[in-house]
C-alpha atoms as a PDB file:
ATOM      1  CA  MET A   1     -18.719 171.443  23.595  1.00  0.00           C
ATOM      2  CA  ILE A   2     -21.862 169.717  22.324  1.00  0.00           C
ATOM      3  CA  ILE A   3     -21.341 167.658  19.158  1.00  0.00           C
ATOM      4  CA  ALA A   4     -24.574 166.667  17.425  1.00  0.00           C
ATOM      5  CA  ALA A   5     -25.625 165.369  14.014  1.00  0.00           C
ATOM      6  CA  ALA A   6     -28.789 166.713  12.355  1.00  0.00           C
ATOM      7  CA  ASP A   7     -30.579 165.012   9.474  1.00  0.00           C
ATOM      8  CA  GLY A   8     -33.834 164.915   7.536  1.00  0.00           C
ATOM      9  CA  SER A   9     -35.759 162.362   5.515  1.00  0.00           C
ATOM     10  CA  ALA A  10     -38.695 162.362   3.093  1.00  0.00           C
ATOM     11  CA  LEU A  11     -40.304 159.301   1.570  1.00  0.00           C
ATOM     12  CA  GLY A  12     -41.045 160.545  -1.934  1.00  0.00           C
ATOM     13  CA  ASN A  13     -39.786 164.122  -1.438  1.00  0.00           C
ATOM     14  CA  PRO A  14     -42.396 165.441  -0.952  1.00  0.00           C
ATOM     15  CA  GLY A  15     -44.050 162.760   1.136  1.00  0.00           C
ATOM     16  CA  PRO A  16     -44.074 161.628   4.747  1.00  0.00           C
ATOM     17  CA  ALA A  17     -41.106 163.502   6.226  1.00  0.00           C
ATOM     18  CA  GLY A  18     -38.995 163.257   9.346  1.00  0.00           C
ATOM     19  CA  TRP A  19     -36.192 165.085  11.111  1.00  0.00           C
ATOM     20  CA  ALA A  20     -33.800 164.167  13.900  1.00  0.00           C
ATOM     21  CA  TRP A  21     -30.723 165.306  15.767  1.00  0.00           C
ATOM     22  CA  TYR A  22     -28.507 163.030  17.815  1.00  0.00           C
ATOM     23  CA  VAL A  23     -25.862 163.543  20.509  1.00  0.00           C
ATOM     24  CA  ASP A  24     -25.972 160.093  22.121  1.00  0.00           C
ATOM     25  CA  ASP A  25     -28.531 157.461  23.070  1.00  0.00           C
ATOM     26  CA  ASP A  26     -29.634 159.561  26.062  1.00  0.00           C
ATOM     27  CA  CYS A  27     -29.880 162.846  24.173  1.00  0.00           C
ATOM     28  CA  TRP A  28     -31.699 162.997  20.835  1.00  0.00           C
ATOM     29  CA  ALA A  29     -34.976 164.176  19.339  1.00  0.00           C
ATOM     30  CA  SER A  30     -37.069 163.570  16.241  1.00  0.00           C
ATOM     31  CA  GLY A  31     -40.333 164.605  14.647  1.00  0.00           C
ATOM     32  CA  GLY A  32     -41.840 165.317  11.248  1.00  0.00           C
ATOM     33  CA  TRP A  33     -44.978 165.802   9.174  1.00  0.00           C
ATOM     34  CA  PRO A  34     -47.389 163.652   7.174  1.00  0.00           C
ATOM     35  CA  HIS A  35     -46.302 165.575   4.055  1.00  0.00           C
ATOM     36  CA  GLY A  36     -43.041 167.460   3.667  1.00  0.00           C
ATOM     37  CA  THR A  37     -39.687 167.545   1.923  1.00  0.00           C
ATOM     38  CA  ASN A  38     -36.184 166.409   2.693  1.00  0.00           C
ATOM     39  CA  ASN A  39     -34.988 170.020   2.964  1.00  0.00           C
ATOM     40  CA  MET A  40     -37.733 170.807   5.467  1.00  0.00           C
ATOM     41  CA  GLY A  41     -36.553 167.885   7.585  1.00  0.00           C
ATOM     42  CA  GLU A  42     -32.915 168.970   7.403  1.00  0.00           C
ATOM     43  CA  LEU A  43     -33.797 172.536   8.418  1.00  0.00           C
ATOM     44  CA  MET A  44     -36.163 171.478  11.192  1.00  0.00           C
ATOM     45  CA  ALA A  45     -33.533 169.199  12.734  1.00  0.00           C
ATOM     46  CA  VAL A  46     -31.104 172.120  12.975  1.00  0.00           C
ATOM     47  CA  LEU A  47     -33.812 174.462  14.267  1.00  0.00           C
ATOM     48  CA  ASP A  48     -34.937 172.094  17.006  1.00  0.00           C
ATOM     49  CA  LEU A  49     -31.323 171.459  18.033  1.00  0.00           C
ATOM     50  CA  LEU A  50     -30.674 175.202  18.284  1.00  0.00           C
ATOM     51  CA  GLN A  51     -33.847 175.832  20.267  1.00  0.00           C
ATOM     52  CA  GLN A  52     -33.318 172.949  22.658  1.00  0.00           C
ATOM     53  CA  THR A  53     -29.767 174.125  23.454  1.00  0.00           C
ATOM     54  CA  ALA A  54     -30.689 177.811  23.815  1.00  0.00           C
ATOM     55  CA  HIS A  55     -30.436 177.622  27.614  1.00  0.00           C
ATOM     56  CA  LEU A  56     -26.905 176.188  27.561  1.00  0.00           C
ATOM     57  CA  ASP A  57     -23.589 178.045  27.473  1.00  0.00           C
ATOM     58  CA  ASP A  58     -21.728 175.272  25.632  1.00  0.00           C
ATOM     59  CA  ASP A  59     -20.390 175.737  22.131  1.00  0.00           C
ATOM     60  CA  LEU A  60     -22.375 173.727  19.584  1.00  0.00           C
ATOM     61  CA  HIS A  61     -20.780 171.725  16.772  1.00  0.00           C
ATOM     62  CA  VAL A  62     -23.416 170.628  14.235  1.00  0.00           C
ATOM     63  CA  LEU A  63     -22.626 167.778  11.835  1.00  0.00           C
ATOM     64  CA  CYS A  64     -24.816 167.958   8.747  1.00  0.00           C
ATOM     65  CA  ASP A  65     -24.812 166.127   5.410  1.00  0.00           C
ATOM     66  CA  SER A  66     -26.837 168.903   3.726  1.00  0.00           C
ATOM     67  CA  LYS A  67     -24.735 171.570   2.045  1.00  0.00           C
ATOM     68  CA  TYR A  68     -27.988 173.382   1.306  1.00  0.00           C
ATOM     69  CA  VAL A  69     -28.639 173.842   5.027  1.00  0.00           C
ATOM     70  CA  ILE A  70     -25.053 174.776   5.870  1.00  0.00           C
ATOM     71  CA  ASP A  71     -24.789 177.293   3.026  1.00  0.00           C
ATOM     72  CA  SER A  72     -28.207 178.741   3.888  1.00  0.00           C
ATOM     73  CA  VAL A  73     -27.184 179.416   7.494  1.00  0.00           C
ATOM     74  CA  THR A  74     -23.538 180.394   7.005  1.00  0.00           C
ATOM     75  CA  LYS A  75     -23.502 182.078   3.579  1.00  0.00           C
ATOM     76  CA  TRP A  76     -26.854 183.033   2.107  1.00  0.00           C
ATOM     77  CA  MET A  77     -28.972 184.317   5.017  1.00  0.00           C
ATOM     78  CA  PRO A  78     -27.401 187.799   5.320  1.00  0.00           C
ATOM     79  CA  GLY A  79     -28.093 188.520   1.657  1.00  0.00           C
ATOM     80  CA  TRP A  80     -31.612 187.108   1.839  1.00  0.00           C
ATOM     81  CA  LYS A  81     -32.413 189.316   4.839  1.00  0.00           C
ATOM     82  CA  ARG A  82     -31.117 192.443   3.069  1.00  0.00           C
ATOM     83  CA  LYS A  83     -33.365 191.633   0.111  1.00  0.00           C
ATOM     84  CA  GLY A  84     -36.434 191.000   2.271  1.00  0.00           C
ATOM     85  CA  TRP A  85     -35.929 187.242   2.251  1.00  0.00           C
ATOM     86  CA  LYS A  86     -35.689 187.097  -1.524  1.00  0.00           C
ATOM     87  CA  LYS A  87     -33.061 185.219  -3.528  1.00  0.00           C
ATOM     88  CA  SER A  88     -30.744 186.876  -6.040  1.00  0.00           C
ATOM     89  CA  ASP A  89     -33.232 186.120  -8.828  1.00  0.00           C
ATOM     90  CA  GLY A  90     -35.969 187.945  -6.899  1.00  0.00           C
ATOM     91  CA  LYS A  91     -37.892 184.772  -6.052  1.00  0.00           C
ATOM     92  CA  PRO A  92     -38.956 184.104  -2.444  1.00  0.00           C
ATOM     93  CA  VAL A  93     -36.607 182.015  -0.306  1.00  0.00           C
ATOM     94  CA  LEU A  94     -37.896 178.474   0.059  1.00  0.00           C
ATOM     95  CA  ASN A  95     -39.038 177.363   3.515  1.00  0.00           C
ATOM     96  CA  VAL A  96     -38.731 180.967   4.612  1.00  0.00           C
ATOM     97  CA  GLU A  97     -40.439 180.525   8.003  1.00  0.00           C
ATOM     98  CA  LEU A  98     -37.977 177.813   8.963  1.00  0.00           C
ATOM     99  CA  MET A  99     -35.128 180.002   7.723  1.00  0.00           C
ATOM    100  CA  LYS A 100     -36.343 182.963   9.776  1.00  0.00           C
ATOM    101  CA  ALA A 101     -36.713 180.780  12.859  1.00  0.00           C
ATOM    102  CA  ILE A 102     -33.163 179.448  12.470  1.00  0.00           C
ATOM    103  CA  ASP A 103     -31.865 182.987  12.018  1.00  0.00           C
ATOM    104  CA  ALA A 104     -33.601 184.024  15.250  1.00  0.00           C
ATOM    105  CA  ALA A 105     -32.245 180.966  17.069  1.00  0.00           C
ATOM    106  CA  MET A 106     -28.707 181.845  15.962  1.00  0.00           C
ATOM    107  CA  GLU A 107     -28.979 185.392  17.306  1.00  0.00           C
ATOM    108  CA  GLY A 108     -26.313 186.064  19.896  1.00  0.00           C
ATOM    109  CA  ARG A 109     -24.585 182.723  19.503  1.00  0.00           C
ATOM    110  CA  ARG A 110     -23.197 182.693  15.966  1.00  0.00           C
ATOM    111  CA  HIS A 111     -19.669 182.634  17.367  1.00  0.00           C
ATOM    112  CA  ARG A 112     -20.572 179.573  19.443  1.00  0.00           C
ATOM    113  CA  VAL A 113     -22.248 177.478  16.734  1.00  0.00           C
ATOM    114  CA  ARG A 114     -20.127 175.769  14.098  1.00  0.00           C
ATOM    115  CA  PHE A 115     -21.365 173.685  11.180  1.00  0.00           C
ATOM    116  CA  GLU A 116     -19.406 170.867   9.560  1.00  0.00           C
ATOM    117  CA  TRP A 117     -20.405 168.959   6.443  1.00  0.00           C
ATOM    118  CA  VAL A 118     -20.139 165.174   6.645  1.00  0.00           C
ATOM    119  CA  LYS A 119     -20.821 162.720   3.872  1.00  0.00           C
ATOM    120  CA  GLY A 120     -24.141 161.001   4.402  1.00  0.00           C
ATOM    121  CA  HIS A 121     -24.530 157.233   4.429  1.00  0.00           C
ATOM    122  CA  ALA A 122     -20.783 156.825   4.782  1.00  0.00           C
ATOM    123  CA  GLY A 123     -20.553 155.155   8.187  1.00  0.00           C
ATOM    124  CA  HIS A 124     -20.274 158.276  10.364  1.00  0.00           C
ATOM    125  CA  ASP A 125     -21.739 157.105  13.687  1.00  0.00           C
ATOM    126  CA  LEU A 126     -23.569 160.290  14.692  1.00  0.00           C
ATOM    127  CA  ASN A 127     -24.853 160.964  11.185  1.00  0.00           C
ATOM    128  CA  GLU A 128     -26.076 157.395  10.818  1.00  0.00           C
ATOM    129  CA  ALA A 129     -27.859 157.592  14.181  1.00  0.00           C
ATOM    130  CA  ALA A 130     -29.621 160.829  13.200  1.00  0.00           C
ATOM    131  CA  ASP A 131     -30.480 159.424   9.773  1.00  0.00           C
ATOM    132  CA  ARG A 132     -32.068 156.301  11.272  1.00  0.00           C
ATOM    133  CA  ARG A 133     -34.242 158.379  13.596  1.00  0.00           C
ATOM    134  CA  ALA A 134     -35.277 160.822  10.862  1.00  0.00           C
ATOM    135  CA  ASN A 135     -36.204 157.932   8.585  1.00  0.00           C
ATOM    136  CA  ALA A 136     -38.083 156.217  11.411  1.00  0.00           C
ATOM    137  CA  ALA A 137     -40.101 159.413  11.979  1.00  0.00           C
ATOM    138  CA  ALA A 138     -40.962 159.663   8.270  1.00  0.00           C
ATOM    139  CA  THR A 139     -41.932 155.983   8.238  1.00  0.00           C
ATOM    140  CA  ALA A 140     -44.157 156.494  11.284  1.00  0.00           C
ATOM    141  CA  TYR A 141     -46.052 159.291   9.534  1.00  0.00           C
ATOM    142  CA  GLN A 142     -46.333 157.089   6.443  1.00  0.00           C
ATOM    143  CA  ARG A 143     -48.056 154.514   8.664  1.00  0.00           C
ATOM    144  CA  GLY A 144     -50.260 157.175  10.223  1.00  0.00           C
ATOM    145  CA  VAL A 145     -48.790 157.013  13.736  1.00  0.00           C
ATOM    146  CA  GLU A 146     -46.803 159.427  15.884  1.00  0.00           C
ATOM    147  CA  PRO A 147     -43.029 158.861  15.864  1.00  0.00           C
ATOM    148  CA  GLU A 148     -40.937 158.388  18.990  1.00  0.00           C
ATOM    149  CA  HIS A 149     -39.814 161.920  19.875  1.00  0.00           C
ATOM    150  CA  GLY A 150     -36.797 161.118  22.051  1.00  0.00           C
ATOM    151  CA  PRO A 151     -35.659 162.566  25.381  1.00  0.00           C
ATOM    152  CA  GLY A 152     -34.294 165.874  24.065  1.00  0.00           C
ATOM    153  CA  PHE A 153     -32.060 168.065  26.227  1.00  0.00           C
ATOM    154  CA  THR A 154     -32.540 168.130  29.983  1.00  0.00           C
ATOM    155  CA  GLY A 155     -33.687 171.562  31.092  1.00  0.00           C
ATOM    156  CA  SER A 156     -35.043 172.654  27.726  1.00  0.00           C
ATOM    157  CA  SER A 157     -38.113 174.876  28.148  1.00  0.00           C
ATOM    158  CA  THR A 158     -40.301 172.427  26.226  1.00  0.00           C
ATOM    159  CA  ALA A 159     -39.613 168.996  24.823  1.00  0.00           C
ATOM    160  CA  HIS A 160     -39.937 170.125  21.212  1.00  0.00           C
ATOM    161  CA  PRO A 161     -40.258 173.891  20.823  1.00  0.00           C
ATOM    162  CA  ALA A 162     -39.637 173.718  17.079  1.00  0.00           C
ATOM    163  CA  ALA A 163     -42.887 171.806  16.600  1.00  0.00           C
ATOM    164  CA  GLU A 164     -44.687 175.163  16.807  1.00  0.00           C
ATOM    165  CA  VAL A 165     -43.290 176.068  13.390  1.00  0.00           C
ATOM    166  CA  GLY A 166     -44.980 173.072  11.771  1.00  0.00           C
ATOM    167  CA  GLN A 167     -45.072 172.327   8.068  1.00  0.00           C
ATOM    168  CA  VAL A 168     -44.547 175.735   6.551  1.00  0.00           C
ATOM    169  CA  GLU A 169     -43.788 175.301   2.879  1.00  0.00           C
ATOM    170  CA  GLU A 170     -43.388 172.619   0.266  1.00  0.00           C
ATOM    171  CA  GLU A 171     -40.581 172.698  -2.252  1.00  0.00           C
ATOM    172  CA  PRO A 172     -42.293 174.395  -5.216  1.00  0.00           C
ATOM    173  CA  ASP A 173     -39.486 173.392  -7.550  1.00  0.00           C
ATOM    174  CA  LEU A 174     -40.810 169.826  -7.406  1.00  0.00           C
ATOM    175  CA  PHE A 175     -44.077 170.948  -8.978  1.00  0.00           C
ATOM    176  CA  SER A 176     -43.025 174.031 -10.938  1.00  0.00           C
ATOM    177  CA  GLY A 177     -44.181 172.371 -14.162  1.00  0.00           C
ATOM    178  CA  LEU A 178     -47.832 172.490 -13.099  1.00  0.00           C
ATOM    179  CA  ALA A 179     -50.208 175.324 -13.818  1.00  0.00           C
ATOM    180  CA  ALA A 180     -51.324 177.360 -10.811  1.00  0.00           C
ATOM    181  CA  ASP A 181     -54.895 176.055 -11.100  1.00  0.00           C
ATOM    182  CA  ASP A 182     -53.582 172.490 -10.857  1.00  0.00           C
ATOM    183  CA  LEU A 183     -51.560 172.844  -7.665  1.00  0.00           C
ATOM    184  CA  ASP A 184     -54.356 171.471  -5.505  1.00  0.00           C
ATOM    185  CA  ALA A 185     -54.917 168.536  -7.864  1.00  0.00           C
ATOM    186  CA  VAL A 186     -53.090 165.240  -7.684  1.00  0.00           C
ATOM    187  CA  PRO A 187     -50.454 165.326 -10.445  1.00  0.00           C
ATOM    188  CA  THR A 188     -50.322 162.549 -13.009  1.00  0.00           C
ATOM    189  CA  ASP A 189     -47.293 160.276 -12.994  1.00  0.00           C
ATOM    190  CA  GLU A 190     -46.001 162.076 -16.065  1.00  0.00           C
ATOM    191  CA  GLU A 191     -46.385 165.502 -14.410  1.00  0.00           C
ATOM    192  CA  HIS A 192     -44.706 164.210 -11.265  1.00  0.00           C
ATOM    193  CA  VAL A 193     -41.737 162.883 -13.244  1.00  0.00           C
ATOM    194  CA  VAL A 194     -41.352 166.192 -15.098  1.00  0.00           C
ATOM    195  CA  ALA A 195     -41.492 168.082 -11.784  1.00  0.00           C
ATOM    196  CA  MET A 196     -38.777 165.866 -10.280  1.00  0.00           C
ATOM    197  CA  GLU A 197     -36.582 166.333 -13.349  1.00  0.00           C
ATOM    198  CA  ARG A 198     -36.925 170.095 -12.926  1.00  0.00           C
ATOM    199  CA  ALA A 199     -36.069 169.697  -9.247  1.00  0.00           C
ATOM    200  CA  LEU A 200     -32.796 168.023 -10.179  1.00  0.00           C
ATOM    201  CA  LEU A 201     -31.830 171.271 -11.946  1.00  0.00           C
ATOM    202  CA  SER A 202     -32.640 173.537  -8.984  1.00  0.00           C
ATOM    203  CA  ASP A 203     -29.928 174.926  -6.703  1.00  0.00           C
ATOM    204  CA  GLU A 204     -31.892 173.953  -3.582  1.00  0.00           C
ATOM    205  CA  VAL A 205     -31.904 170.278  -4.547  1.00  0.00           C
ATOM    206  CA  ARG A 206     -28.466 170.142  -6.171  1.00  0.00           C
ATOM    207  CA  SER A 207     -26.926 171.736  -3.068  1.00  0.00           C
ATOM    208  CA  ASP A 208     -28.326 168.899  -0.959  1.00  0.00           C
ATOM    209  CA  ARG A 209     -26.724 165.510  -1.628  1.00  0.00           C
ATOM    210  CA  ALA A 210     -29.400 163.696   0.351  1.00  0.00           C
ATOM    211  CA  ALA A 211     -32.178 165.280  -1.714  1.00  0.00           C
ATOM    212  CA  VAL A 212     -30.470 164.237  -4.956  1.00  0.00           C
ATOM    213  CA  ALA A 213     -29.848 160.740  -3.600  1.00  0.00           C
ATOM    214  CA  ALA A 214     -33.572 160.375  -2.879  1.00  0.00           C
ATOM    215  CA  LEU A 215     -34.344 160.997  -6.562  1.00  0.00           C
ATOM    216  CA  LEU A 216     -31.728 158.618  -8.009  1.00  0.00           C
ATOM    217  CA  HIS A 217     -32.359 154.875  -8.240  1.00  0.00           C
ATOM    218  CA  PRO A 218     -29.784 152.657  -6.458  1.00  0.00           C
ATOM    219  CA  ASP A 219     -28.716 151.376  -9.913  1.00  0.00           C
ATOM    220  CA  TRP A 220     -28.581 154.841 -11.489  1.00  0.00           C
ATOM    221  CA  GLN A 221     -26.226 155.335 -14.440  1.00  0.00           C
ATOM    222  CA  GLU A 222     -25.564 158.313 -16.682  1.00  0.00           C
ATOM    223  CA  VAL A 223     -23.752 158.638 -19.994  1.00  0.00           C
ATOM    224  CA  GLY A 224     -22.232 162.106 -19.994  1.00  0.00           C
ATOM    225  CA  ARG A 225     -21.696 164.415 -22.962  1.00  0.00           C
ATOM    226  CA  SER A 226     -18.099 163.159 -23.181  1.00  0.00           C
ATOM    227  CA  GLY A 227     -19.276 159.563 -23.413  1.00  0.00           C
ATOM    228  CA  ARG A 228     -18.173 158.698 -19.882  1.00  0.00           C
ATOM    229  CA  LEU A 229     -20.390 156.333 -17.899  1.00  0.00           C
ATOM    230  CA  TRP A 230     -21.166 157.686 -14.422  1.00  0.00           C
ATOM    231  CA  THR A 231     -22.312 155.574 -11.486  1.00  0.00           C
ATOM    232  CA  ARG A 232     -24.655 156.810  -8.768  1.00  0.00           C
ATOM    233  CA  GLU A 233     -21.854 157.352  -6.245  1.00  0.00           C
ATOM    234  CA  GLU A 234     -19.711 159.179  -8.811  1.00  0.00           C
ATOM    235  CA  THR A 235     -22.650 161.430  -9.678  1.00  0.00           C
ATOM    236  CA  LEU A 236     -23.435 162.199  -6.033  1.00  0.00           C
ATOM    237  CA  ALA A 237     -19.767 162.978  -5.332  1.00  0.00           C
ATOM    238  CA  VAL A 238     -19.699 165.863  -7.828  1.00  0.00           C
ATOM    239  CA  ILE A 239     -23.309 167.124  -7.797  1.00  0.00           C
ATOM    240  CA  GLY A 240     -23.693 170.827  -7.151  1.00  0.00           C
ATOM    241  CA  PRO A 241     -25.393 174.034  -8.341  1.00  0.00           C
ATOM    242  CA  ILE A 242     -25.265 174.837 -12.051  1.00  0.00           C
ATOM    243  CA  ASP A 243     -25.875 177.953 -14.116  1.00  0.00           C
ATOM    244  CA  PRO A 244     -29.556 178.414 -15.073  1.00  0.00           C
ATOM    245  CA  VAL A 245     -30.610 176.497 -18.180  1.00  0.00           C
ATOM    246  CA  GLY A 246     -33.720 176.461 -20.296  1.00  0.00           C
ATOM    247  CA  PHE A 247     -35.945 173.401 -19.835  1.00  0.00           C
ATOM    248  CA  GLU A 248     -38.298 172.041 -22.491  1.00  0.00           C
ATOM    249  CA  VAL A 249     -40.264 168.806 -22.353  1.00  0.00           C
ATOM    250  CA  VAL A 250     -40.217 167.018 -25.714  1.00  0.00           C
ATOM    251  CA  SER A 251     -42.239 163.930 -24.794  1.00  0.00           C
ATOM    252  CA  THR A 252     -43.227 161.631 -21.937  1.00  0.00           C
ATOM    253  CA  ASP A 253     -43.686 158.027 -23.033  1.00  0.00           C
ATOM    254  CA  ARG A 254     -45.180 155.405 -20.726  1.00  0.00           C
ATOM    255  CA  LEU A 255     -43.177 152.230 -21.348  1.00  0.00           C
ATOM    256  CA  GLY A 256     -44.971 150.270 -18.637  1.00  0.00           C
ATOM    257  CA  PRO A 257     -47.071 150.747 -15.486  1.00  0.00           C
ATOM    258  CA  ASP A 258     -43.978 151.773 -13.530  1.00  0.00           C
ATOM    259  CA  THR A 259     -41.670 153.085 -16.272  1.00  0.00           C
ATOM    260  CA  ILE A 260     -41.671 156.468 -18.018  1.00  0.00           C
ATOM    261  CA  LEU A 261     -39.178 157.699 -20.604  1.00  0.00           C
ATOM    262  CA  LEU A 262     -38.841 161.470 -20.448  1.00  0.00           C
ATOM    263  CA  LEU A 263     -37.331 163.200 -23.466  1.00  0.00           C
ATOM    264  CA  TRP A 264     -36.366 166.799 -22.752  1.00  0.00           C
ATOM    265  CA  ARG A 265     -34.091 169.604 -23.881  1.00  0.00           C
ATOM    266  CA  THR A 266     -31.855 172.044 -22.044  1.00  0.00           C
ATOM    267  CA  SER A 267     -30.554 175.256 -23.579  1.00  0.00           C
ATOM    268  CA  THR A 268     -27.800 177.707 -22.697  1.00  0.00           C
ATOM    269  CA  ASP A 269     -26.354 180.665 -24.594  1.00  0.00           C
ATOM    270  CA  ASP A 270     -23.962 178.458 -26.552  1.00  0.00           C
ATOM    271  CA  ARG A 271     -25.723 175.118 -27.046  1.00  0.00           C
ATOM    272  CA  THR A 272     -28.843 172.998 -26.790  1.00  0.00           C
ATOM    273  CA  THR A 273     -28.738 169.446 -25.499  1.00  0.00           C
ATOM    274  CA  LEU A 274     -31.306 166.726 -26.123  1.00  0.00           C
ATOM    275  CA  ARG A 275     -31.703 164.550 -23.050  1.00  0.00           C
ATOM    276  CA  SER A 276     -33.508 161.350 -22.095  1.00  0.00           C
ATOM    277  CA  THR A 277     -34.184 160.086 -18.582  1.00  0.00           C
ATOM    278  CA  LEU A 278     -35.690 156.734 -17.693  1.00  0.00           C
ATOM    279  CA  TRP A 279     -37.841 157.014 -14.559  1.00  0.00           C
ATOM    280  CA  VAL A 280     -38.977 153.894 -12.701  1.00  0.00           C
ATOM    281  CA  ARG A 281     -41.362 153.462  -9.785  1.00  0.00           C
ATOM    282  CA  SER A 282     -40.244 151.238  -6.943  1.00  0.00           C
ATOM    283  CA  GLY A 283     -41.907 150.977  -3.546  1.00  0.00           C
ATOM    284  CA  GLY A 284     -44.412 153.629  -4.614  1.00  0.00           C
ATOM    285  CA  HIS A 285     -41.738 156.246  -5.374  1.00  0.00           C
ATOM    286  CA  TRP A 286     -40.414 157.449  -8.732  1.00  0.00           C
ATOM    287  CA  GLN A 287     -36.634 157.545  -9.181  1.00  0.00           C
ATOM    288  CA  ALA A 288     -34.368 158.271 -12.139  1.00  0.00           C
ATOM    289  CA  ARG A 289     -32.720 155.062 -13.389  1.00  0.00           C
ATOM    290  CA  PHE A 290     -30.745 156.192 -16.460  1.00  0.00           C
ATOM    291  CA  HIS A 291     -29.863 159.465 -18.188  1.00  0.00           C
ATOM    292  CA  GLN A 292     -28.070 160.458 -21.366  1.00  0.00           C
ATOM    293  CA  GLY A 293     -27.549 163.838 -23.030  1.00  0.00           C
ATOM    294  CA  THR A 294     -26.421 164.630 -26.573  1.00  0.00           C
ATOM    295  CA  ASP A 295     -25.541 168.106 -27.859  1.00  0.00           C
ATOM    296  CA  GLU A 296     -27.602 169.140 -30.869  1.00  0.00           C
ATOM    297  CA  ALA A 297     -25.941 170.437 -34.007  1.00  0.00           C
END
């Protein structure tokens, strides 16, 4: 049996992005794009691993810290295919070309490929090794150089067959607050912050702990509706998909060159909640530092 960890990384999400899978120091691979998302990296790592092991008869055990990827491959794909690669809400599946390529790579070997979720950044040796290589690839593209691609699997038809897929699709949820005519323009800091707040409500991001972690500041805190104070690790431990909610921006106030206070409102059938999120920029990337929500009368 082959046991491998697959991971992705994006500096800014979207931003310079990398992917990697790791078996041992003599068998690993990585790559990426100048501009991509964390989910793209996670998917590409799995795709390249599947393609590079296609010539082998061994069972494959994939360790992955992305529930989004695991659920996509093991739960959601059959339904998406029946609906013409559309989600239950009728919207197109994100990163659909990568999804289709993974589906094709799984053909005939679904009984020999098993996925296991592992907690990221928790000291798991294989996961940490894949994470370091994915991050190194993203960092290389940030610097404008090619990353080290690794040896791959001996006997694979090409060193990196998945590279043919390329950068196929950004995560539109990150910029769903922009008008269609503005998609080719560089968003303002305020627009970018609003887009990231919307992303934190999307199933694709909330199903992926690593994607959420990239958007939360290391010192993140949240005061919940009950009054409980949540730390970053406590928040990441329970994050997951939620029922759809209405989203309304109330105001975006620039408190400093690298600080924006976003006041916004969510609505469900039984309540509306006024929310405030403090976004700070560190190392060129915006991250949420503090959040509080209060139900409105």
